[in-house]
Amino acid sequence: VMVLYNFKSITVVPSGKDFVDIILSKTQRKTPTIIHKHYQITRIRQFYMRKVKFTQQNFHDKITQILTDFPVLDDIHPFYADLINVLYDKDHYKLALGQLNTARHLIDNLGKDY
């Protein structure tokens, strides 16, 4: 079954450095930023665990968005699959998406550890 695909819906993928900057600045904005001297160690630990979980969730969501946006080559019209292969190289494309999926999995495991 061939899927009609809207290539315009693909979000722009930031560079690795920008990707990290975007996520970390969001973490900084959306989580508490001050630890007071009198806080118990459990509260300090919770403070950092919350940041780790928040960061992990944002990486997960952003990577999932990318993986969802980009088409599965076997599902789209052969013309577009061939075009992607000529312009980008099908194997490299699949490898890149696979590496993103692996990165998401590793980040999720980091989040689980905390």
PDB file of N, CA and C in Angstrom:
ATOM      1  N   VAL A   1       0.851  -1.186   0.000  1.00  0.00           N
ATOM      2  CA  VAL A   1       0.000   0.000   0.000  1.00  0.00           C
ATOM      3  C   VAL A   1       0.891   1.241   0.000  1.00  0.00           C
ATOM      4  N   MET A   2       0.665   2.092  -0.977  1.00  0.00           N
ATOM      5  CA  MET A   2       1.462   3.299  -1.071  1.00  0.00           C
ATOM      6  C   MET A   2       0.820   4.423  -0.275  1.00  0.00           C
ATOM      7  N   VAL A   3       1.656   5.184   0.405  1.00  0.00           N
ATOM      8  CA  VAL A   3       1.182   6.264   1.244  1.00  0.00           C
ATOM      9  C   VAL A   3       1.422   7.580   0.512  1.00  0.00           C
ATOM     10  N   LEU A   4       0.395   8.436   0.475  1.00  0.00           N
ATOM     11  CA  LEU A   4       0.608   9.784  -0.042  1.00  0.00           C
ATOM     12  C   LEU A   4       1.363  10.539   1.028  1.00  0.00           C
ATOM     13  N   TYR A   5       2.454  11.177   0.640  1.00  0.00           N
ATOM     14  CA  TYR A   5       3.309  11.768   1.644  1.00  0.00           C
ATOM     15  C   TYR A   5       3.496  13.251   1.409  1.00  0.00           C
ATOM     16  N   ASN A   6       3.359  14.030   2.472  1.00  0.00           N
ATOM     17  CA  ASN A   6       3.560  15.473   2.388  1.00  0.00           C
ATOM     18  C   ASN A   6       4.962  15.812   2.907  1.00  0.00           C
ATOM     19  N   PHE A   7       5.889  16.017   1.982  1.00  0.00           N
ATOM     20  CA  PHE A   7       7.276  16.285   2.362  1.00  0.00           C
ATOM     21  C   PHE A   7       7.435  17.639   3.044  1.00  0.00           C
ATOM     22  N   LYS A   8       6.474  18.534   2.827  1.00  0.00           N
ATOM     23  CA  LYS A   8       6.556  19.863   3.439  1.00  0.00           C
ATOM     24  C   LYS A   8       6.351  19.807   4.949  1.00  0.00           C
ATOM     25  N   SER A   9       5.784  18.694   5.428  1.00  0.00           N
ATOM     26  CA  SER A   9       5.509  18.591   6.868  1.00  0.00           C
ATOM     27  C   SER A   9       6.746  18.203   7.682  1.00  0.00           C
ATOM     28  N   ILE A  10       7.846  17.886   7.000  1.00  0.00           N
ATOM     29  CA  ILE A  10       9.069  17.494   7.712  1.00  0.00           C
ATOM     30  C   ILE A  10       9.652  18.714   8.426  1.00  0.00           C
ATOM     31  N   THR A  11       9.887  18.568   9.727  1.00  0.00           N
ATOM     32  CA  THR A  11      10.492  19.671  10.471  1.00  0.00           C
ATOM     33  C   THR A  11      11.984  19.738  10.158  1.00  0.00           C
ATOM     34  N   VAL A  12      12.536  20.932  10.246  1.00  0.00           N
ATOM     35  CA  VAL A  12      13.963  21.120  10.008  1.00  0.00           C
ATOM     36  C   VAL A  12      14.717  20.476  11.169  1.00  0.00           C
ATOM     37  N   VAL A  13      15.715  19.677  10.841  1.00  0.00           N
ATOM     38  CA  VAL A  13      16.505  19.010  11.877  1.00  0.00           C
ATOM     39  C   VAL A  13      17.703  19.894  12.208  1.00  0.00           C
ATOM     40  N   PRO A  14      17.815  20.322  13.470  1.00  0.00           N
ATOM     41  CA  PRO A  14      18.942  21.183  13.836  1.00  0.00           C
ATOM     42  C   PRO A  14      20.256  20.394  13.862  1.00  0.00           C
ATOM     43  N   SER A  15      21.365  21.110  13.816  1.00  0.00           N
ATOM     44  CA  SER A  15      22.671  20.451  13.960  1.00  0.00           C
ATOM     45  C   SER A  15      22.740  19.847  15.363  1.00  0.00           C
ATOM     46  N   GLY A  16      23.674  18.942  15.570  1.00  0.00           N
ATOM     47  CA  GLY A  16      23.809  18.302  16.877  1.00  0.00           C
ATOM     48  C   GLY A  16      23.974  19.301  18.006  1.00  0.00           C
ATOM     49  N   LYS A  17      24.837  20.294  17.794  1.00  0.00           N
ATOM     50  CA  LYS A  17      25.095  21.307  18.824  1.00  0.00           C
ATOM     51  C   LYS A  17      23.831  22.115  19.109  1.00  0.00           C
ATOM     52  N   ASP A  18      23.148  22.558  18.036  1.00  0.00           N
ATOM     53  CA  ASP A  18      21.911  23.327  18.214  1.00  0.00           C
ATOM     54  C   ASP A  18      20.844  22.489  18.905  1.00  0.00           C
ATOM     55  N   PHE A  19      20.776  21.222  18.545  1.00  0.00           N
ATOM     56  CA  PHE A  19      19.807  20.291  19.131  1.00  0.00           C
ATOM     57  C   PHE A  19      19.975  20.265  20.652  1.00  0.00           C
ATOM     58  N   VAL A  20      21.219  20.079  21.089  1.00  0.00           N
ATOM     59  CA  VAL A  20      21.515  20.040  22.527  1.00  0.00           C
ATOM     60  C   VAL A  20      21.194  21.385  23.172  1.00  0.00           C
ATOM     61  N   ASP A  21      21.587  22.484  22.516  1.00  0.00           N
ATOM     62  CA  ASP A  21      21.320  23.822  23.060  1.00  0.00           C
ATOM     63  C   ASP A  21      19.826  24.066  23.236  1.00  0.00           C
ATOM     64  N   ILE A  22      19.030  23.657  22.240  1.00  0.00           N
ATOM     65  CA  ILE A  22      17.572  23.837  22.292  1.00  0.00           C
ATOM     66  C   ILE A  22      16.993  23.090  23.490  1.00  0.00           C
ATOM     67  N   ILE A  23      17.382  21.829  23.641  1.00  0.00           N
ATOM     68  CA  ILE A  23      16.849  20.998  24.723  1.00  0.00           C
ATOM     69  C   ILE A  23      17.281  21.533  26.084  1.00  0.00           C
ATOM     70  N   LEU A  24      18.563  21.868  26.227  1.00  0.00           N
ATOM     71  CA  LEU A  24      19.055  22.314  27.533  1.00  0.00           C
ATOM     72  C   LEU A  24      18.495  23.676  27.927  1.00  0.00           C
ATOM     73  N   SER A  25      18.302  24.564  26.954  1.00  0.00           N
ATOM     74  CA  SER A  25      17.720  25.862  27.309  1.00  0.00           C
ATOM     75  C   SER A  25      16.257  25.689  27.718  1.00  0.00           C
ATOM     76  N   LYS A  26      15.569  24.737  27.093  1.00  0.00           N
ATOM     77  CA  LYS A  26      14.185  24.443  27.490  1.00  0.00           C
ATOM     78  C   LYS A  26      14.158  23.874  28.912  1.00  0.00           C
ATOM     79  N   THR A  27      15.100  22.987  29.219  1.00  0.00           N
ATOM     80  CA  THR A  27      15.200  22.418  30.567  1.00  0.00           C
ATOM     81  C   THR A  27      15.442  23.533  31.577  1.00  0.00           C
ATOM     82  N   GLN A  28      16.320  24.445  31.227  1.00  0.00           N
ATOM     83  CA  GLN A  28      16.655  25.568  32.107  1.00  0.00           C
ATOM     84  C   GLN A  28      15.428  26.448  32.357  1.00  0.00           C
ATOM     85  N   ARG A  29      14.636  26.681  31.305  1.00  0.00           N
ATOM     86  CA  ARG A  29      13.449  27.537  31.426  1.00  0.00           C
ATOM     87  C   ARG A  29      12.317  26.877  32.200  1.00  0.00           C
ATOM     88  N   LYS A  30      12.154  25.561  32.026  1.00  0.00           N
ATOM     89  CA  LYS A  30      10.945  24.895  32.518  1.00  0.00           C
ATOM     90  C   LYS A  30      11.128  24.112  33.820  1.00  0.00           C
ATOM     91  N   THR A  31      12.332  24.096  34.366  1.00  0.00           N
ATOM     92  CA  THR A  31      12.534  23.394  35.640  1.00  0.00           C
ATOM     93  C   THR A  31      13.139  24.369  36.650  1.00  0.00           C
ATOM     94  N   PRO A  32      12.989  24.076  37.942  1.00  0.00           N
ATOM     95  CA  PRO A  32      13.556  24.968  38.969  1.00  0.00           C
ATOM     96  C   PRO A  32      15.060  25.145  38.765  1.00  0.00           C
ATOM     97  N   THR A  33      15.576  26.316  39.127  1.00  0.00           N
ATOM     98  CA  THR A  33      16.980  26.609  38.839  1.00  0.00           C
ATOM     99  C   THR A  33      17.820  26.889  40.080  1.00  0.00           C
ATOM    100  N   ILE A  34      17.192  27.028  41.234  1.00  0.00           N
ATOM    101  CA  ILE A  34      17.958  27.421  42.421  1.00  0.00           C
ATOM    102  C   ILE A  34      17.906  26.338  43.486  1.00  0.00           C
ATOM    103  N   ILE A  35      19.081  26.016  44.002  1.00  0.00           N
ATOM    104  CA  ILE A  35      19.184  25.118  45.154  1.00  0.00           C
ATOM    105  C   ILE A  35      19.686  25.962  46.319  1.00  0.00           C
ATOM    106  N   HIS A  36      18.979  25.913  47.423  1.00  0.00           N
ATOM    107  CA  HIS A  36      19.415  26.662  48.605  1.00  0.00           C
ATOM    108  C   HIS A  36      20.313  25.793  49.478  1.00  0.00           C
ATOM    109  N   LYS A  37      21.207  26.448  50.200  1.00  0.00           N
ATOM    110  CA  LYS A  37      22.188  25.736  51.029  1.00  0.00           C
ATOM    111  C   LYS A  37      21.542  24.804  52.043  1.00  0.00           C
ATOM    112  N   HIS A  38      20.393  25.192  52.559  1.00  0.00           N
ATOM    113  CA  HIS A  38      19.769  24.415  53.637  1.00  0.00           C
ATOM    114  C   HIS A  38      18.982  23.192  53.141  1.00  0.00           C
ATOM    115  N   TYR A  39      18.907  22.983  51.813  1.00  0.00           N
ATOM    116  CA  TYR A  39      18.155  21.827  51.290  1.00  0.00           C
ATOM    117  C   TYR A  39      18.773  20.510  51.756  1.00  0.00           C
ATOM    118  N   GLN A  40      17.906  19.569  52.085  1.00  0.00           N
ATOM    119  CA  GLN A  40      18.348  18.212  52.409  1.00  0.00           C
ATOM    120  C   GLN A  40      18.896  17.560  51.139  1.00  0.00           C
ATOM    121  N   ILE A  41      19.783  16.588  51.319  1.00  0.00           N
ATOM    122  CA  ILE A  41      20.391  15.901  50.171  1.00  0.00           C
ATOM    123  C   ILE A  41      19.324  15.232  49.299  1.00  0.00           C
ATOM    124  N   THR A  42      18.265  14.706  49.913  1.00  0.00           N
ATOM    125  CA  THR A  42      17.203  14.056  49.118  1.00  0.00           C
ATOM    126  C   THR A  42      16.507  15.071  48.213  1.00  0.00           C
ATOM    127  N   ARG A  43      16.329  16.281  48.713  1.00  0.00           N
ATOM    128  CA  ARG A  43      15.689  17.323  47.906  1.00  0.00           C
ATOM    129  C   ARG A  43      16.604  17.763  46.763  1.00  0.00           C
ATOM    130  N   ILE A  44      17.893  17.826  47.034  1.00  0.00           N
ATOM    131  CA  ILE A  44      18.865  18.193  45.992  1.00  0.00           C
ATOM    132  C   ILE A  44      18.900  17.102  44.917  1.00  0.00           C
ATOM    133  N   ARG A  45      18.890  15.851  45.357  1.00  0.00           N
ATOM    134  CA  ARG A  45      18.886  14.730  44.411  1.00  0.00           C
ATOM    135  C   ARG A  45      17.630  14.793  43.539  1.00  0.00           C
ATOM    136  N   GLN A  46      16.493  15.038  44.170  1.00  0.00           N
ATOM    137  CA  GLN A  46      15.224  15.133  43.441  1.00  0.00           C
ATOM    138  C   GLN A  46      15.266  16.270  42.413  1.00  0.00           C
ATOM    139  N   PHE A  47      15.875  17.391  42.803  1.00  0.00           N
ATOM    140  CA  PHE A  47      16.034  18.554  41.928  1.00  0.00           C
ATOM    141  C   PHE A  47      16.749  18.157  40.630  1.00  0.00           C
ATOM    142  N   TYR A  48      17.867  17.428  40.756  1.00  0.00           N
ATOM    143  CA  TYR A  48      18.634  17.026  39.574  1.00  0.00           C
ATOM    144  C   TYR A  48      17.964  15.891  38.812  1.00  0.00           C
ATOM    145  N   MET A  49      17.325  14.977  39.529  1.00  0.00           N
ATOM    146  CA  MET A  49      16.612  13.882  38.857  1.00  0.00           C
ATOM    147  C   MET A  49      15.501  14.446  37.975  1.00  0.00           C
ATOM    148  N   ARG A  50      14.824  15.464  38.484  1.00  0.00           N
ATOM    149  CA  ARG A  50      13.759  16.101  37.702  1.00  0.00           C
ATOM    150  C   ARG A  50      14.324  16.701  36.415  1.00  0.00           C
ATOM    151  N   LYS A  51      15.482  17.328  36.513  1.00  0.00           N
ATOM    152  CA  LYS A  51      16.121  17.907  35.323  1.00  0.00           C
ATOM    153  C   LYS A  51      16.507  16.823  34.313  1.00  0.00           C
ATOM    154  N   VAL A  52      17.066  15.718  34.826  1.00  0.00           N
ATOM    155  CA  VAL A  52      17.465  14.614  33.943  1.00  0.00           C
ATOM    156  C   VAL A  52      16.241  14.047  33.232  1.00  0.00           C
ATOM    157  N   LYS A  53      15.164  13.785  33.986  1.00  0.00           N
ATOM    158  CA  LYS A  53      13.939  13.219  33.408  1.00  0.00           C
ATOM    159  C   LYS A  53      13.331  14.178  32.382  1.00  0.00           C
ATOM    160  N   PHE A  54      13.296  15.453  32.715  1.00  0.00           N
ATOM    161  CA  PHE A  54      12.733  16.462  31.817  1.00  0.00           C
ATOM    162  C   PHE A  54      13.532  16.520  30.513  1.00  0.00           C
ATOM    163  N   THR A  55      14.864  16.516  30.649  1.00  0.00           N
ATOM    164  CA  THR A  55      15.747  16.558  29.478  1.00  0.00           C
ATOM    165  C   THR A  55      15.554  15.307  28.626  1.00  0.00           C
ATOM    166  N   GLN A  56      15.513  14.152  29.282  1.00  0.00           N
ATOM    167  CA  GLN A  56      15.308  12.879  28.577  1.00  0.00           C
ATOM    168  C   GLN A  56      13.992  12.900  27.803  1.00  0.00           C
ATOM    169  N   GLN A  57      12.924  13.356  28.444  1.00  0.00           N
ATOM    170  CA  GLN A  57      11.610  13.380  27.802  1.00  0.00           C
ATOM    171  C   GLN A  57      11.606  14.306  26.588  1.00  0.00           C
ATOM    172  N   ASN A  58      12.279  15.442  26.700  1.00  0.00           N
ATOM    173  CA  ASN A  58      12.337  16.384  25.578  1.00  0.00           C
ATOM    174  C   ASN A  58      13.157  15.847  24.415  1.00  0.00           C
ATOM    175  N   PHE A  59      14.279  15.200  24.719  1.00  0.00           N
ATOM    176  CA  PHE A  59      15.051  14.542  23.656  1.00  0.00           C
ATOM    177  C   PHE A  59      14.185  13.478  22.982  1.00  0.00           C
ATOM    178  N   HIS A  60      13.504  12.674  23.800  1.00  0.00           N
ATOM    179  CA  HIS A  60      12.647  11.602  23.281  1.00  0.00           C
ATOM    180  C   HIS A  60      11.596  12.176  22.322  1.00  0.00           C
ATOM    181  N   ASP A  61      10.905  13.223  22.767  1.00  0.00           N
ATOM    182  CA  ASP A  61       9.836  13.820  21.958  1.00  0.00           C
ATOM    183  C   ASP A  61      10.374  14.398  20.653  1.00  0.00           C
ATOM    184  N   LYS A  62      11.499  15.102  20.736  1.00  0.00           N
ATOM    185  CA  LYS A  62      12.067  15.755  19.549  1.00  0.00           C
ATOM    186  C   LYS A  62      12.562  14.705  18.537  1.00  0.00           C
ATOM    187  N   ILE A  63      13.233  13.664  19.031  1.00  0.00           N
ATOM    188  CA  ILE A  63      13.729  12.613  18.133  1.00  0.00           C
ATOM    189  C   ILE A  63      12.559  11.835  17.537  1.00  0.00           C
ATOM    190  N   THR A  64      11.541  11.568  18.349  1.00  0.00           N
ATOM    191  CA  THR A  64      10.347  10.870  17.850  1.00  0.00           C
ATOM    192  C   THR A  64       9.689  11.688  16.742  1.00  0.00           C
ATOM    193  N   GLN A  65       9.621  13.002  16.926  1.00  0.00           N
ATOM    194  CA  GLN A  65       9.055  13.895  15.906  1.00  0.00           C
ATOM    195  C   GLN A  65       9.815  13.758  14.587  1.00  0.00           C
ATOM    196  N   ILE A  66      11.136  13.745  14.663  1.00  0.00           N
ATOM    197  CA  ILE A  66      11.966  13.605  13.461  1.00  0.00           C
ATOM    198  C   ILE A  66      11.712  12.250  12.801  1.00  0.00           C
ATOM    199  N   LEU A  67      11.735  11.188  13.608  1.00  0.00           N
ATOM    200  CA  LEU A  67      11.544   9.837  13.063  1.00  0.00           C
ATOM    201  C   LEU A  67      10.153   9.669  12.454  1.00  0.00           C
ATOM    202  N   THR A  68       9.172  10.359  13.013  1.00  0.00           N
ATOM    203  CA  THR A  68       7.804  10.285  12.495  1.00  0.00           C
ATOM    204  C   THR A  68       7.660  11.110  11.217  1.00  0.00           C
ATOM    205  N   ASP A  69       8.333  12.261  11.182  1.00  0.00           N
ATOM    206  CA  ASP A  69       8.238  13.162  10.024  1.00  0.00           C
ATOM    207  C   ASP A  69       8.845  12.559   8.762  1.00  0.00           C
ATOM    208  N   PHE A  70       9.985  11.914   8.897  1.00  0.00           N
ATOM    209  CA  PHE A  70      10.669  11.392   7.715  1.00  0.00           C
ATOM    210  C   PHE A  70      10.003  10.105   7.241  1.00  0.00           C
ATOM    211  N   PRO A  71       9.769  10.001   5.929  1.00  0.00           N
ATOM    212  CA  PRO A  71       9.024   8.848   5.415  1.00  0.00           C
ATOM    213  C   PRO A  71       9.829   7.549   5.446  1.00  0.00           C
ATOM    214  N   VAL A  72       9.116   6.444   5.594  1.00  0.00           N
ATOM    215  CA  VAL A  72       9.717   5.122   5.419  1.00  0.00           C
ATOM    216  C   VAL A  72       9.772   4.896   3.909  1.00  0.00           C
ATOM    217  N   LEU A  73      10.968   4.678   3.377  1.00  0.00           N
ATOM    218  CA  LEU A  73      11.143   4.628   1.920  1.00  0.00           C
ATOM    219  C   LEU A  73      10.292   3.552   1.253  1.00  0.00           C
ATOM    220  N   ASP A  74      10.079   2.442   1.944  1.00  0.00           N
ATOM    221  CA  ASP A  74       9.284   1.352   1.358  1.00  0.00           C
ATOM    222  C   ASP A  74       7.802   1.701   1.250  1.00  0.00           C
ATOM    223  N   ASP A  75       7.374   2.753   1.970  1.00  0.00           N
ATOM    224  CA  ASP A  75       5.951   3.115   1.989  1.00  0.00           C
ATOM    225  C   ASP A  75       5.574   4.195   0.980  1.00  0.00           C
ATOM    226  N   ILE A  76       6.562   4.885   0.426  1.00  0.00           N
ATOM    227  CA  ILE A  76       6.231   6.003  -0.461  1.00  0.00           C
ATOM    228  C   ILE A  76       6.349   5.589  -1.928  1.00  0.00           C
ATOM    229  N   HIS A  77       5.822   6.427  -2.804  1.00  0.00           N
ATOM    230  CA  HIS A  77       5.845   6.177  -4.241  1.00  0.00           C
ATOM    231  C   HIS A  77       7.285   5.933  -4.695  1.00  0.00           C
ATOM    232  N   PRO A  78       7.487   4.928  -5.556  1.00  0.00           N
ATOM    233  CA  PRO A  78       8.851   4.606  -6.024  1.00  0.00           C
ATOM    234  C   PRO A  78       9.598   5.804  -6.612  1.00  0.00           C
ATOM    235  N   PHE A  79       8.869   6.728  -7.235  1.00  0.00           N
ATOM    236  CA  PHE A  79       9.514   7.921  -7.789  1.00  0.00           C
ATOM    237  C   PHE A  79      10.238   8.693  -6.689  1.00  0.00           C
ATOM    238  N   TYR A  80       9.545   8.909  -5.569  1.00  0.00           N
ATOM    239  CA  TYR A  80      10.139   9.667  -4.464  1.00  0.00           C
ATOM    240  C   TYR A  80      11.249   8.874  -3.780  1.00  0.00           C
ATOM    241  N   ALA A  81      11.056   7.567  -3.659  1.00  0.00           N
ATOM    242  CA  ALA A  81      12.090   6.715  -3.063  1.00  0.00           C
ATOM    243  C   ALA A  81      13.363   6.777  -3.913  1.00  0.00           C
ATOM    244  N   ASP A  82      13.197   6.727  -5.247  1.00  0.00           N
ATOM    245  CA  ASP A  82      14.348   6.827  -6.156  1.00  0.00           C
ATOM    246  C   ASP A  82      15.003   8.201  -6.063  1.00  0.00           C
ATOM    247  N   LEU A  83      14.178   9.231  -5.970  1.00  0.00           N
ATOM    248  CA  LEU A  83      14.693  10.596  -5.875  1.00  0.00           C
ATOM    249  C   LEU A  83      15.530  10.762  -4.601  1.00  0.00           C
ATOM    250  N   ILE A  84      15.023  10.253  -3.492  1.00  0.00           N
ATOM    251  CA  ILE A  84      15.779  10.313  -2.234  1.00  0.00           C
ATOM    252  C   ILE A  84      17.087   9.541  -2.381  1.00  0.00           C
ATOM    253  N   ASN A  85      17.019   8.402  -3.050  1.00  0.00           N
ATOM    254  CA  ASN A  85      18.229   7.597  -3.239  1.00  0.00           C
ATOM    255  C   ASN A  85      19.273   8.342  -4.069  1.00  0.00           C
ATOM    256  N   VAL A  86      18.831   9.034  -5.114  1.00  0.00           N
ATOM    257  CA  VAL A  86      19.750   9.781  -5.981  1.00  0.00           C
ATOM    258  C   VAL A  86      20.322  10.992  -5.238  1.00  0.00           C
ATOM    259  N   LEU A  87      19.465  11.730  -4.552  1.00  0.00           N
ATOM    260  CA  LEU A  87      19.901  12.955  -3.886  1.00  0.00           C
ATOM    261  C   LEU A  87      20.659  12.689  -2.593  1.00  0.00           C
ATOM    262  N   TYR A  88      20.321  11.603  -1.912  1.00  0.00           N
ATOM    263  CA  TYR A  88      20.856  11.438  -0.565  1.00  0.00           C
ATOM    264  C   TYR A  88      21.506  10.088  -0.302  1.00  0.00           C
ATOM    265  N   ASP A  89      21.168   9.071  -1.041  1.00  0.00           N
ATOM    266  CA  ASP A  89      21.632   7.688  -0.852  1.00  0.00           C
ATOM    267  C   ASP A  89      20.775   6.978   0.195  1.00  0.00           C
ATOM    268  N   LYS A  90      20.003   6.044  -0.314  1.00  0.00           N
ATOM    269  CA  LYS A  90      19.015   5.310   0.488  1.00  0.00           C
ATOM    270  C   LYS A  90      19.627   4.666   1.734  1.00  0.00           C
ATOM    271  N   ASP A  91      20.789   4.042   1.571  1.00  0.00           N
ATOM    272  CA  ASP A  91      21.418   3.353   2.707  1.00  0.00           C
ATOM    273  C   ASP A  91      21.831   4.335   3.797  1.00  0.00           C
ATOM    274  N   HIS A  92      22.370   5.467   3.377  1.00  0.00           N
ATOM    275  CA  HIS A  92      22.784   6.503   4.328  1.00  0.00           C
ATOM    276  C   HIS A  92      21.561   7.053   5.070  1.00  0.00           C
ATOM    277  N   TYR A  93      20.490   7.243   4.336  1.00  0.00           N
ATOM    278  CA  TYR A  93      19.219   7.738   4.897  1.00  0.00           C
ATOM    279  C   TYR A  93      18.712   6.788   5.977  1.00  0.00           C
ATOM    280  N   LYS A  94      18.648   5.488   5.628  1.00  0.00           N
ATOM    281  CA  LYS A  94      18.156   4.488   6.584  1.00  0.00           C
ATOM    282  C   LYS A  94      19.084   4.381   7.791  1.00  0.00           C
ATOM    283  N   LEU A  95      20.380   4.466   7.543  1.00  0.00           N
ATOM    284  CA  LEU A  95      21.364   4.404   8.621  1.00  0.00           C
ATOM    285  C   LEU A  95      21.194   5.586   9.584  1.00  0.00           C
ATOM    286  N   ALA A  96      21.003   6.777   9.018  1.00  0.00           N
ATOM    287  CA  ALA A  96      20.834   7.980   9.844  1.00  0.00           C
ATOM    288  C   ALA A  96      19.600   7.856  10.735  1.00  0.00           C
ATOM    289  N   LEU A  97      18.489   7.394  10.165  1.00  0.00           N
ATOM    290  CA  LEU A  97      17.267   7.222  10.961  1.00  0.00           C
ATOM    291  C   LEU A  97      17.458   6.135  12.019  1.00  0.00           C
ATOM    292  N   GLY A  98      18.177   5.086  11.657  1.00  0.00           N
ATOM    293  CA  GLY A  98      18.469   4.018  12.615  1.00  0.00           C
ATOM    294  C   GLY A  98      19.318   4.516  13.778  1.00  0.00           C
ATOM    295  N   GLN A  99      20.288   5.367  13.471  1.00  0.00           N
ATOM    296  CA  GLN A  99      21.140   5.928  14.524  1.00  0.00           C
ATOM    297  C   GLN A  99      20.345   6.848  15.444  1.00  0.00           C
ATOM    298  N   LEU A 100      19.416   7.597  14.872  1.00  0.00           N
ATOM    299  CA  LEU A 100      18.544   8.434  15.699  1.00  0.00           C
ATOM    300  C   LEU A 100      17.706   7.577  16.638  1.00  0.00           C
ATOM    301  N   ASN A 101      17.191   6.484  16.106  1.00  0.00           N
ATOM    302  CA  ASN A 101      16.388   5.571  16.916  1.00  0.00           C
ATOM    303  C   ASN A 101      17.223   4.987  18.059  1.00  0.00           C
ATOM    304  N   THR A 102      18.469   4.624  17.760  1.00  0.00           N
ATOM    305  CA  THR A 102      19.384   4.111  18.785  1.00  0.00           C
ATOM    306  C   THR A 102      19.670   5.180  19.841  1.00  0.00           C
ATOM    307  N   ALA A 103      19.915   6.410  19.388  1.00  0.00           N
ATOM    308  CA  ALA A 103      20.170   7.518  20.319  1.00  0.00           C
ATOM    309  C   ALA A 103      18.978   7.710  21.253  1.00  0.00           C
ATOM    310  N   ARG A 104      17.777   7.662  20.691  1.00  0.00           N
ATOM    311  CA  ARG A 104      16.562   7.819  21.504  1.00  0.00           C
ATOM    312  C   ARG A 104      16.492   6.723  22.563  1.00  0.00           C
ATOM    313  N   HIS A 105      16.785   5.500  22.159  1.00  0.00           N
ATOM    314  CA  HIS A 105      16.750   4.359  23.074  1.00  0.00           C
ATOM    315  C   HIS A 105      17.772   4.528  24.209  1.00  0.00           C
ATOM    316  N   LEU A 106      18.988   4.956  23.868  1.00  0.00           N
ATOM    317  CA  LEU A 106      20.036   5.157  24.874  1.00  0.00           C
ATOM    318  C   LEU A 106      19.667   6.280  25.846  1.00  0.00           C
ATOM    319  N   ILE A 107      19.114   7.359  25.311  1.00  0.00           N
ATOM    320  CA  ILE A 107      18.687   8.485  26.150  1.00  0.00           C
ATOM    321  C   ILE A 107      17.555   8.044  27.080  1.00  0.00           C
ATOM    322  N   ASP A 108      16.622   7.243  26.554  1.00  0.00           N
ATOM    323  CA  ASP A 108      15.529   6.721  27.387  1.00  0.00           C
ATOM    324  C   ASP A 108      16.086   5.873  28.531  1.00  0.00           C
ATOM    325  N   ASN A 109      17.094   5.058  28.235  1.00  0.00           N
ATOM    326  CA  ASN A 109      17.711   4.231  29.280  1.00  0.00           C
ATOM    327  C   ASN A 109      18.395   5.087  30.344  1.00  0.00           C
ATOM    328  N   LEU A 110      19.045   6.162  29.913  1.00  0.00           N
ATOM    329  CA  LEU A 110      19.648   7.095  30.873  1.00  0.00           C
ATOM    330  C   LEU A 110      18.581   7.666  31.797  1.00  0.00           C
ATOM    331  N   GLY A 111      17.455   8.059  31.208  1.00  0.00           N
ATOM    332  CA  GLY A 111      16.356   8.605  31.999  1.00  0.00           C
ATOM    333  C   GLY A 111      15.822   7.601  33.004  1.00  0.00           C
ATOM    334  N   LYS A 112      15.757   6.337  32.600  1.00  0.00           N
ATOM    335  CA  LYS A 112      15.267   5.278  33.499  1.00  0.00           C
ATOM    336  C   LYS A 112      16.219   5.063  34.668  1.00  0.00           C
ATOM    337  N   ASP A 113      17.516   5.201  34.410  1.00  0.00           N
ATOM    338  CA  ASP A 113      18.514   5.007  35.465  1.00  0.00           C
ATOM    339  C   ASP A 113      18.374   6.033  36.585  1.00  0.00           C
ATOM    340  N   TYR A 114      17.793   7.176  36.266  1.00  0.00           N
ATOM    341  CA  TYR A 114      17.628   8.216  37.275  1.00  0.00           C
ATOM    342  C   TYR A 114      16.196   8.291  37.751  1.00  0.00           C
TER     343      TYR A 114
END
